[in-house]
């Protein structure tokens, strides 16, 4: 019984922290998207472009003439010949990795704007923080590599057509 009384007395004598609710709105950092969900979605968004790049790499560098590599080439060339869905190839190979980049950047990036001096309203501080989430960063880098490969391919094709 004595321990209970001492415990209750200690609890009553505790100092309660002073909280200013208006200040907490400035310091709460929330991600725009969930990092694990965006990583899972990013894997699906770059699966087809990565598979296509693997097929191209195996077909041209290792001269692997396997059925599923040829099927990927025939599928994409067939899509390019149909007039109403000819835009589907560039969307799959270029837009999906860009969407993956955007989703994963939004999930690890936190932006905070707060007033430094209450007397001068125009003086503000911009704080940008990046959470280090390995899978999100790996997906961003892989998507950037895919976009770079396709941009360089389009540039070399346009140069070779002109000359």
Protein backbone atom coordinates (compact mmCIF):
# COMPACT_ATOMS: atom_id res chain seq x y z
CA UNK A 1 0.00 0.00 0.00
CA UNK A 2 2.88 2.32 0.81
CA UNK A 3 4.36 1.86 -2.69
CA UNK A 4 1.05 2.77 -4.29
CA UNK A 5 0.81 5.96 -2.24
CA UNK A 6 4.37 6.94 -3.13
CA UNK A 7 3.74 6.24 -6.79
CA UNK A 8 0.56 8.32 -6.81
CA UNK A 9 2.35 11.19 -5.05
CA UNK A 10 5.17 11.07 -7.65
CA UNK A 11 2.64 11.12 -10.47
CA UNK A 12 0.88 14.14 -9.01
CA UNK A 13 4.17 16.04 -8.70
CA UNK A 14 5.25 15.44 -12.31
CA UNK A 15 5.68 18.53 -14.43
CA UNK A 16 3.48 18.60 -17.51
CA UNK A 17 5.18 19.91 -20.66
CA UNK A 18 3.81 23.12 -22.12
CA UNK A 19 2.58 22.51 -25.67
CA UNK A 20 1.79 25.22 -28.20
CA UNK A 21 -0.59 23.66 -30.79
CA UNK A 22 -0.04 26.39 -33.38
CA UNK A 23 3.67 25.62 -33.48
CA UNK A 24 3.15 21.92 -34.14
CA UNK A 25 1.49 22.58 -37.46
CA UNK A 26 4.77 24.01 -38.72
CA UNK A 27 6.93 21.10 -37.62
CA UNK A 28 4.88 18.06 -38.61
CA UNK A 29 6.47 16.46 -41.65
CA UNK A 30 4.26 14.10 -43.53
CA UNK A 31 5.17 12.16 -46.60
CA UNK A 32 2.91 12.64 -49.57
CA UNK A 33 2.95 8.91 -50.20
CA UNK A 34 3.80 5.84 -48.19
CA UNK A 35 7.37 4.70 -48.95
CA UNK A 36 6.72 0.97 -48.90
CA UNK A 37 3.60 1.20 -51.10
CA UNK A 38 5.35 3.44 -53.60
CA UNK A 39 8.29 1.03 -53.74
CA UNK A 40 5.94 -1.87 -54.47
CA UNK A 41 4.13 0.14 -57.13
CA UNK A 42 7.47 1.28 -58.58
CA UNK A 43 8.60 -2.30 -59.07
CA UNK A 44 5.52 -2.97 -61.18
CA UNK A 45 5.96 0.25 -63.13
CA UNK A 46 9.50 -0.60 -64.23
CA UNK A 47 9.07 -4.35 -64.67
CA UNK A 48 8.03 -4.15 -68.35
CA UNK A 49 10.73 -1.62 -69.39
CA UNK A 50 13.37 -3.66 -67.55
CA UNK A 51 12.14 -6.83 -69.25
CA UNK A 52 12.31 -5.09 -72.63
CA UNK A 53 15.86 -3.86 -71.95
CA UNK A 54 16.86 -7.36 -70.86
CA UNK A 55 15.42 -8.78 -74.09
CA UNK A 56 17.27 -6.21 -76.20
CA UNK A 57 20.51 -6.84 -74.32
CA UNK A 58 20.26 -10.62 -74.63
CA UNK A 59 19.16 -10.46 -78.27
CA UNK A 60 21.86 -8.11 -79.56
CA UNK A 61 24.83 -8.73 -77.26
CA UNK A 62 24.55 -12.43 -76.55
CA UNK A 63 22.70 -13.32 -79.77
CA UNK A 64 20.16 -15.30 -77.76
CA UNK A 65 17.35 -16.15 -80.16
CA UNK A 66 14.91 -17.47 -77.60
CA UNK A 67 11.14 -17.44 -78.02
CA UNK A 68 10.25 -14.96 -75.30
CA UNK A 69 12.80 -12.38 -76.53
CA UNK A 70 11.41 -12.56 -80.05
CA UNK A 71 7.87 -12.38 -78.66
CA UNK A 72 8.68 -9.10 -76.90
CA UNK A 73 10.11 -7.61 -80.10
CA UNK A 74 7.15 -8.77 -82.19
CA UNK A 75 4.70 -7.41 -79.61
CA UNK A 76 6.26 -3.93 -79.57
CA UNK A 77 6.68 -3.79 -83.34
CA UNK A 78 3.09 -4.95 -83.76
CA UNK A 79 1.88 -2.23 -81.41
CA UNK A 80 3.74 0.40 -83.41
CA UNK A 81 1.97 -0.66 -86.63
CA UNK A 82 -1.59 -0.39 -85.30
CA UNK A 83 -2.77 3.21 -85.84
CA UNK A 84 -4.83 3.75 -82.69
CA UNK A 85 -2.51 2.13 -80.15
CA UNK A 86 0.86 3.10 -81.60
CA UNK A 87 1.40 5.41 -78.61
CA UNK A 88 1.34 2.45 -76.20
CA UNK A 89 5.01 1.52 -76.75
CA UNK A 90 6.43 4.92 -75.71
CA UNK A 91 4.07 5.05 -72.74
CA UNK A 92 5.23 1.68 -71.48
CA UNK A 93 8.91 2.31 -72.13
CA UNK A 94 9.19 5.99 -71.18
CA UNK A 95 6.21 7.26 -69.18
CA UNK A 96 6.00 4.38 -66.69
CA UNK A 97 9.59 4.90 -65.42
CA UNK A 98 8.92 8.65 -65.11
CA UNK A 99 5.78 7.91 -63.07
CA UNK A 100 7.90 5.58 -60.93
CA UNK A 101 10.42 8.38 -60.35
CA UNK A 102 7.69 10.84 -59.37
CA UNK A 103 5.94 8.44 -56.99
CA UNK A 104 9.14 7.41 -55.23
CA UNK A 105 10.47 10.96 -54.95
CA UNK A 106 7.18 12.06 -53.39
CA UNK A 107 7.42 9.25 -50.86
CA UNK A 108 10.88 10.15 -49.55
CA UNK A 109 10.82 13.93 -49.92
CA UNK A 110 9.57 16.23 -47.15
CA UNK A 111 9.21 19.98 -47.68
CA UNK A 112 8.66 22.43 -44.85
CA UNK A 113 8.21 26.21 -45.02
CA UNK A 114 8.22 28.28 -41.83
CA UNK A 115 8.56 31.91 -40.86
CA UNK A 116 11.90 32.80 -39.36
CA UNK A 117 11.02 36.25 -38.07
CA UNK A 118 7.44 36.91 -36.95
CA UNK A 119 7.88 40.64 -37.51
CA UNK A 120 8.82 40.24 -41.17
CA UNK A 121 6.32 38.01 -42.93
CA UNK A 122 8.29 37.68 -46.15
CA UNK A 123 11.32 36.11 -44.48
CA UNK A 124 10.79 32.35 -44.64
CA UNK A 125 12.88 29.25 -44.37
CA UNK A 126 12.53 26.35 -46.78
CA UNK A 127 13.61 23.01 -45.40
CA UNK A 128 13.83 19.99 -47.71
CA UNK A 129 14.59 16.64 -46.14
CA UNK A 130 14.99 13.28 -47.81
CA UNK A 131 14.35 10.03 -45.98
CA UNK A 132 16.91 7.44 -46.89
CA UNK A 133 14.77 4.50 -47.95
CA UNK A 134 16.94 2.06 -49.87
CA UNK A 135 14.29 0.53 -52.15
CA UNK A 136 12.84 3.89 -53.12
CA UNK A 137 16.26 5.27 -53.99
CA UNK A 138 17.19 2.12 -55.95
CA UNK A 139 13.94 2.36 -57.92
CA UNK A 140 14.57 6.04 -58.66
CA UNK A 141 18.06 5.24 -59.94
CA UNK A 142 16.88 2.29 -62.05
CA UNK A 143 14.06 4.39 -63.51
CA UNK A 144 16.51 7.21 -64.30
CA UNK A 145 18.76 4.70 -66.05
CA UNK A 146 15.82 3.39 -68.11
CA UNK A 147 14.77 6.91 -69.10
CA UNK A 148 18.39 7.77 -69.96
CA UNK A 149 18.72 4.67 -72.15
CA UNK A 150 15.56 5.45 -74.10
CA UNK A 151 16.41 9.14 -74.49
CA UNK A 152 19.87 8.24 -75.77
CA UNK A 153 18.32 5.68 -78.14
CA UNK A 154 15.90 8.27 -79.54
CA UNK A 155 18.72 10.80 -79.93
CA UNK A 156 20.97 8.35 -81.79
CA UNK A 157 18.09 7.25 -84.01
CA UNK A 158 17.24 10.82 -84.91
CA UNK A 159 20.91 11.58 -85.67
CA UNK A 160 21.27 8.45 -87.81
CA UNK A 161 18.08 9.26 -89.77
CA UNK A 162 19.28 12.79 -90.59
CA UNK A 163 22.69 11.67 -91.78
